[in-house]
């Protein structure tokens, strides 16, 4: 199986996603979540959001093809 299409891989996130976070993106996310955001906080939060997306993209690069979850759900457990 190609690592590009391995289970659990994100097909959307990438390291470039952090670079695509703009002040407008930050304003939109804040508005969608109903968080009041001053213009002076936009730059700081834009950098923080980009940093978080870059960290997540780094985790997506890890090959977890043969790794089972630590906890598995069993509906028959009582």
Protein backbone atom coordinates (compact mmCIF):
# COMPACT_ATOMS: atom_id res chain seq x y z
CA UNK A 1 0.00 0.00 0.00
CA UNK A 2 1.30 3.39 -0.90
CA UNK A 3 2.11 5.56 2.11
CA UNK A 4 0.31 8.34 0.27
CA UNK A 5 -2.98 6.48 0.75
CA UNK A 6 -2.29 4.77 4.08
CA UNK A 7 -5.22 4.56 6.52
CA UNK A 8 -5.36 7.46 8.93
CA UNK A 9 -3.50 9.81 6.63
CA UNK A 10 -4.89 13.25 6.05
CA UNK A 11 -5.38 14.05 2.41
CA UNK A 12 -5.94 17.73 3.17
CA UNK A 13 -3.34 18.85 5.67
CA UNK A 14 0.23 19.53 4.69
CA UNK A 15 3.15 21.64 5.81
CA UNK A 16 2.05 24.20 3.24
CA UNK A 17 -1.25 24.60 5.11
CA UNK A 18 0.53 26.59 7.81
CA UNK A 19 1.74 29.03 5.18
CA UNK A 20 -1.78 29.48 3.82
CA UNK A 21 -3.21 30.75 7.12
CA UNK A 22 -3.98 34.40 6.61
CA UNK A 23 -5.39 37.14 8.80
CA UNK A 24 -8.68 36.70 6.94
CA UNK A 25 -8.68 32.98 7.78
CA UNK A 26 -8.12 33.80 11.45
CA UNK A 27 -10.95 36.35 11.44
CA UNK A 28 -13.27 33.82 9.77
CA UNK A 29 -12.47 31.07 12.27
CA UNK A 30 -13.01 33.46 15.18
CA UNK A 31 -16.33 34.60 13.72
CA UNK A 32 -17.49 31.01 13.10
CA UNK A 33 -16.77 30.12 16.72
CA UNK A 34 -18.32 33.31 18.05
CA UNK A 35 -15.07 34.52 19.56
CA UNK A 36 -14.65 38.27 19.63
CA UNK A 37 -11.24 39.09 18.19
CA UNK A 38 -9.52 42.46 18.26
CA UNK A 39 -7.39 43.49 15.30
CA UNK A 40 -4.31 43.59 17.52
CA UNK A 41 -4.75 39.88 18.29
CA UNK A 42 -5.22 38.81 14.67
CA UNK A 43 -1.49 38.69 13.82
CA UNK A 44 -0.61 36.74 16.97
CA UNK A 45 -3.41 34.24 16.51
CA UNK A 46 -2.66 33.85 12.79
CA UNK A 47 0.89 32.81 13.66
CA UNK A 48 -0.36 30.45 16.39
CA UNK A 49 -2.90 28.81 14.08
CA UNK A 50 -0.23 28.36 11.38
CA UNK A 51 2.11 26.83 13.95
CA UNK A 52 -0.54 24.37 15.11
CA UNK A 53 -1.34 23.30 11.56
CA UNK A 54 2.37 22.79 10.85
CA UNK A 55 2.69 20.59 13.95
CA UNK A 56 -0.29 18.50 12.88
CA UNK A 57 1.15 18.16 9.38
CA UNK A 58 4.34 16.84 10.96
CA UNK A 59 2.34 14.17 12.77
CA UNK A 60 0.63 13.21 9.53
CA UNK A 61 4.05 12.36 8.10
CA UNK A 62 4.46 9.47 10.57
CA UNK A 63 3.73 6.08 9.02
CA UNK A 64 1.16 4.36 11.27
CA UNK A 65 0.18 1.65 8.80
CA UNK A 66 1.02 -1.24 11.15
CA UNK A 67 0.12 0.49 14.43
CA UNK A 68 -3.07 -0.52 16.20
CA UNK A 69 -4.96 1.90 18.44
CA UNK A 70 -4.13 1.70 22.14
CA UNK A 71 -7.83 1.41 22.94
CA UNK A 72 -10.29 -0.54 20.87
CA UNK A 73 -14.04 -0.21 21.26
CA UNK A 74 -15.93 -3.42 22.01
CA UNK A 75 -19.72 -2.95 21.93
CA UNK A 76 -20.28 -6.36 23.55
CA UNK A 77 -18.43 -5.39 26.74
CA UNK A 78 -20.71 -5.10 29.78
